[in-house]
N, C-alpha and C. Protein backbone atom coordinates (compact mmCIF):
# COMPACT_ATOMS: atom_id res chain seq x y z
N MET A 1 1.49 5.08 35.90
CA MET A 1 2.18 3.99 35.24
C MET A 1 1.28 3.48 34.10
N PRO A 2 1.82 3.39 32.86
CA PRO A 2 1.01 2.90 31.73
C PRO A 2 0.68 1.42 31.89
N LEU A 3 -0.48 1.06 31.40
CA LEU A 3 -0.89 -0.34 31.44
C LEU A 3 -0.13 -1.13 30.39
N ALA A 4 0.23 -2.34 30.73
CA ALA A 4 0.91 -3.22 29.78
C ALA A 4 -0.10 -3.73 28.77
N ARG A 5 0.32 -3.81 27.52
CA ARG A 5 -0.58 -4.32 26.48
C ARG A 5 -0.54 -5.85 26.49
N PRO A 6 -1.69 -6.47 26.43
CA PRO A 6 -1.71 -7.94 26.34
C PRO A 6 -1.02 -8.41 25.06
N ASP A 7 -0.46 -9.60 25.10
CA ASP A 7 0.26 -10.15 23.95
C ASP A 7 -0.58 -10.21 22.69
N HIS A 8 -1.88 -10.48 22.79
CA HIS A 8 -2.70 -10.63 21.59
C HIS A 8 -2.84 -9.31 20.84
N ASP A 9 -2.62 -8.18 21.48
CA ASP A 9 -2.69 -6.90 20.79
C ASP A 9 -1.47 -6.63 19.92
N SER A 10 -0.37 -7.30 20.23
CA SER A 10 0.86 -7.05 19.48
C SER A 10 1.00 -7.95 18.26
N VAL A 11 0.04 -8.81 18.04
CA VAL A 11 0.07 -9.72 16.88
C VAL A 11 -0.27 -8.92 15.63
N GLY A 12 0.52 -9.11 14.57
CA GLY A 12 0.29 -8.40 13.31
C GLY A 12 -0.99 -8.86 12.63
N PRO A 13 -1.47 -8.07 11.67
CA PRO A 13 -2.74 -8.39 11.00
C PRO A 13 -2.69 -9.70 10.22
N GLN A 14 -1.52 -10.13 9.77
CA GLN A 14 -1.42 -11.36 8.99
C GLN A 14 -1.88 -12.58 9.78
N HIS A 15 -1.88 -12.48 11.10
CA HIS A 15 -2.31 -13.60 11.93
C HIS A 15 -3.83 -13.73 11.97
N HIS A 16 -4.52 -12.76 11.44
CA HIS A 16 -5.98 -12.79 11.44
C HIS A 16 -6.54 -13.33 10.12
N PHE A 17 -5.68 -13.60 9.13
CA PHE A 17 -6.12 -14.07 7.83
C PHE A 17 -6.05 -15.59 7.75
N SER A 18 -6.99 -16.17 6.99
CA SER A 18 -6.93 -17.62 6.74
C SER A 18 -5.77 -17.89 5.79
N GLU A 19 -5.40 -19.15 5.69
CA GLU A 19 -4.33 -19.53 4.75
C GLU A 19 -4.71 -19.17 3.32
N GLN A 20 -6.00 -19.35 2.97
CA GLN A 20 -6.47 -19.01 1.63
C GLN A 20 -6.31 -17.51 1.38
N ALA A 21 -6.66 -16.68 2.35
CA ALA A 21 -6.52 -15.23 2.21
C ALA A 21 -5.06 -14.84 2.07
N LYS A 22 -4.18 -15.48 2.82
CA LYS A 22 -2.74 -15.20 2.74
C LYS A 22 -2.21 -15.53 1.34
N GLU A 23 -2.69 -16.65 0.78
CA GLU A 23 -2.25 -17.05 -0.56
C GLU A 23 -2.72 -16.04 -1.60
N ILE A 24 -3.96 -15.57 -1.49
CA ILE A 24 -4.49 -14.58 -2.42
C ILE A 24 -3.69 -13.29 -2.32
N LEU A 25 -3.39 -12.86 -1.10
CA LEU A 25 -2.60 -11.64 -0.91
C LEU A 25 -1.19 -11.80 -1.49
N GLN A 26 -0.59 -12.96 -1.32
CA GLN A 26 0.75 -13.20 -1.85
C GLN A 26 0.73 -13.13 -3.38
N ARG A 27 -0.26 -13.79 -4.00
CA ARG A 27 -0.34 -13.76 -5.47
C ARG A 27 -0.63 -12.35 -5.97
N ALA A 28 -1.45 -11.60 -5.24
CA ALA A 28 -1.75 -10.21 -5.62
C ALA A 28 -0.48 -9.36 -5.55
N ALA A 29 0.34 -9.58 -4.53
CA ALA A 29 1.59 -8.85 -4.41
C ALA A 29 2.53 -9.19 -5.56
N GLU A 30 2.59 -10.45 -5.94
CA GLU A 30 3.42 -10.86 -7.08
C GLU A 30 2.92 -10.23 -8.37
N ARG A 31 1.60 -10.18 -8.53
CA ARG A 31 1.00 -9.56 -9.73
C ARG A 31 1.35 -8.07 -9.78
N ALA A 32 1.32 -7.40 -8.65
CA ALA A 32 1.64 -5.96 -8.60
C ALA A 32 3.06 -5.71 -9.07
N VAL A 33 3.98 -6.54 -8.62
CA VAL A 33 5.39 -6.38 -9.03
C VAL A 33 5.54 -6.68 -10.51
N GLN A 34 4.90 -7.73 -11.00
CA GLN A 34 5.00 -8.10 -12.42
C GLN A 34 4.37 -7.06 -13.33
N SER A 35 3.24 -6.49 -12.93
CA SER A 35 2.51 -5.59 -13.82
C SER A 35 3.06 -4.17 -13.82
N SER A 36 3.58 -3.71 -12.69
CA SER A 36 4.00 -2.31 -12.64
C SER A 36 5.36 -2.11 -11.98
N GLY A 37 5.94 -3.17 -11.50
CA GLY A 37 7.21 -3.04 -10.81
C GLY A 37 7.08 -2.45 -9.41
N GLU A 38 5.84 -2.22 -9.00
CA GLU A 38 5.58 -1.63 -7.69
C GLU A 38 5.31 -2.72 -6.66
N ARG A 39 5.57 -2.41 -5.42
CA ARG A 39 5.27 -3.35 -4.34
C ARG A 39 3.91 -3.08 -3.72
N GLU A 40 3.23 -2.05 -4.19
CA GLU A 40 1.92 -1.69 -3.66
C GLU A 40 0.83 -2.54 -4.31
N VAL A 41 0.02 -3.18 -3.49
CA VAL A 41 -1.08 -4.01 -3.98
C VAL A 41 -2.33 -3.14 -4.05
N ASP A 42 -2.89 -3.02 -5.26
CA ASP A 42 -4.10 -2.25 -5.47
C ASP A 42 -5.30 -3.19 -5.58
N THR A 43 -6.47 -2.61 -5.62
CA THR A 43 -7.72 -3.37 -5.72
C THR A 43 -7.71 -4.30 -6.93
N GLU A 44 -7.23 -3.80 -8.07
CA GLU A 44 -7.23 -4.63 -9.28
C GLU A 44 -6.40 -5.89 -9.10
N HIS A 45 -5.29 -5.80 -8.39
CA HIS A 45 -4.45 -6.97 -8.17
C HIS A 45 -5.18 -8.02 -7.34
N LEU A 46 -5.88 -7.56 -6.32
CA LEU A 46 -6.66 -8.48 -5.50
C LEU A 46 -7.81 -9.10 -6.30
N LEU A 47 -8.50 -8.27 -7.07
CA LEU A 47 -9.63 -8.77 -7.85
C LEU A 47 -9.20 -9.79 -8.89
N TYR A 48 -8.04 -9.60 -9.51
CA TYR A 48 -7.58 -10.57 -10.49
C TYR A 48 -7.26 -11.91 -9.84
N GLU A 49 -6.93 -11.91 -8.58
CA GLU A 49 -6.58 -13.15 -7.90
C GLU A 49 -7.78 -13.86 -7.29
N LEU A 50 -8.90 -13.17 -7.11
CA LEU A 50 -10.08 -13.81 -6.52
C LEU A 50 -10.59 -15.02 -7.29
N PRO A 51 -10.51 -15.03 -8.63
CA PRO A 51 -10.99 -16.23 -9.34
C PRO A 51 -10.26 -17.50 -8.93
N GLN A 52 -9.08 -17.36 -8.36
CA GLN A 52 -8.36 -18.53 -7.87
C GLN A 52 -9.10 -19.15 -6.68
N SER A 53 -9.99 -18.38 -6.09
CA SER A 53 -10.82 -18.85 -4.99
C SER A 53 -12.26 -18.93 -5.48
N GLU A 54 -12.61 -20.02 -6.10
CA GLU A 54 -13.93 -20.16 -6.71
C GLU A 54 -15.07 -19.97 -5.70
N ALA A 55 -14.84 -20.33 -4.46
CA ALA A 55 -15.90 -20.21 -3.46
C ALA A 55 -16.35 -18.77 -3.29
N VAL A 56 -15.41 -17.84 -3.36
CA VAL A 56 -15.75 -16.42 -3.21
C VAL A 56 -16.64 -15.98 -4.36
N LEU A 57 -16.27 -16.32 -5.58
CA LEU A 57 -17.05 -15.90 -6.74
C LEU A 57 -18.43 -16.59 -6.76
N LYS A 58 -18.47 -17.85 -6.44
CA LYS A 58 -19.75 -18.57 -6.43
C LYS A 58 -20.70 -17.99 -5.39
N GLN A 59 -20.15 -17.58 -4.26
CA GLN A 59 -20.97 -17.01 -3.20
C GLN A 59 -21.73 -15.78 -3.69
N PHE A 60 -21.11 -15.02 -4.58
CA PHE A 60 -21.72 -13.80 -5.08
C PHE A 60 -22.24 -13.95 -6.51
N ASN A 61 -22.24 -15.19 -7.03
CA ASN A 61 -22.75 -15.49 -8.36
C ASN A 61 -22.08 -14.61 -9.44
N ILE A 62 -20.75 -14.59 -9.41
CA ILE A 62 -19.97 -13.79 -10.36
C ILE A 62 -19.11 -14.74 -11.20
N SER A 63 -19.10 -14.54 -12.51
CA SER A 63 -18.23 -15.35 -13.37
C SER A 63 -16.86 -14.69 -13.47
N VAL A 64 -15.86 -15.50 -13.74
CA VAL A 64 -14.49 -14.99 -13.90
C VAL A 64 -14.44 -13.96 -15.03
N ASP A 65 -15.06 -14.26 -16.15
CA ASP A 65 -15.04 -13.35 -17.29
C ASP A 65 -15.70 -12.01 -16.96
N ASP A 66 -16.81 -12.05 -16.23
CA ASP A 66 -17.47 -10.81 -15.81
C ASP A 66 -16.56 -9.98 -14.91
N LEU A 67 -15.91 -10.65 -13.98
CA LEU A 67 -15.01 -9.95 -13.06
C LEU A 67 -13.88 -9.27 -13.81
N TRP A 68 -13.19 -10.02 -14.68
CA TRP A 68 -12.07 -9.44 -15.43
C TRP A 68 -12.55 -8.33 -16.36
N GLY A 69 -13.73 -8.50 -16.96
CA GLY A 69 -14.27 -7.46 -17.83
C GLY A 69 -14.51 -6.16 -17.08
N ARG A 70 -15.05 -6.27 -15.88
CA ARG A 70 -15.30 -5.07 -15.06
C ARG A 70 -14.00 -4.42 -14.60
N ILE A 71 -13.02 -5.24 -14.28
CA ILE A 71 -11.72 -4.68 -13.89
C ILE A 71 -11.13 -3.90 -15.06
N ASP A 72 -11.12 -4.54 -16.23
CA ASP A 72 -10.56 -3.88 -17.42
C ASP A 72 -11.30 -2.60 -17.77
N ALA A 73 -12.60 -2.58 -17.56
CA ALA A 73 -13.41 -1.40 -17.89
C ALA A 73 -13.21 -0.25 -16.89
N ASN A 74 -12.77 -0.57 -15.68
CA ASN A 74 -12.69 0.44 -14.64
C ASN A 74 -11.29 0.88 -14.24
N PHE A 75 -10.27 0.25 -14.79
CA PHE A 75 -8.91 0.65 -14.47
C PHE A 75 -8.24 1.14 -15.75
N PRO A 76 -7.42 2.16 -15.66
CA PRO A 76 -6.78 2.73 -16.85
C PRO A 76 -5.88 1.72 -17.57
N VAL A 77 -5.86 1.85 -18.87
CA VAL A 77 -4.99 1.00 -19.68
C VAL A 77 -3.55 1.24 -19.25
N GLY A 78 -2.78 0.17 -19.15
CA GLY A 78 -1.40 0.30 -18.71
C GLY A 78 -1.26 0.08 -17.21
N ALA A 79 -2.31 0.30 -16.47
CA ALA A 79 -2.26 0.08 -15.03
C ALA A 79 -2.74 -1.30 -14.67
N GLN A 80 -3.22 -2.03 -15.66
CA GLN A 80 -3.74 -3.36 -15.40
C GLN A 80 -2.82 -4.40 -16.01
N SER A 81 -2.96 -5.61 -15.58
CA SER A 81 -2.19 -6.70 -16.12
C SER A 81 -3.13 -7.72 -16.74
N GLU A 82 -2.58 -8.61 -17.50
CA GLU A 82 -3.39 -9.62 -18.17
C GLU A 82 -3.86 -10.66 -17.16
N PRO A 83 -5.06 -11.20 -17.36
CA PRO A 83 -5.51 -12.27 -16.48
C PRO A 83 -4.62 -13.51 -16.65
N PRO A 84 -4.51 -14.31 -15.63
CA PRO A 84 -3.66 -15.51 -15.75
C PRO A 84 -4.20 -16.46 -16.81
N ALA A 85 -3.28 -17.12 -17.50
CA ALA A 85 -3.65 -18.08 -18.54
C ALA A 85 -4.29 -19.31 -17.87
N GLY A 86 -5.25 -19.87 -18.57
CA GLY A 86 -5.85 -21.11 -18.08
C GLY A 86 -7.12 -20.87 -17.53
């Protein structure tokens, strides 16, 4: 007889993220749709949204301009989207 799985194993991965992480993922998903019409979230979409969380960048001593510059330099033209205004 197979063992029953405890309820905590059936919880989806979204339950393991903080509210801040969920917000970043949501904005990254929106950016993916806006930039390429795709629903797939790539690294560049996540990286463009990290500046919205200043604590993450400060922890690693990274400026927003440096981050966007590195993204632009490492992703093909046309596959990237513009950084948010402001």
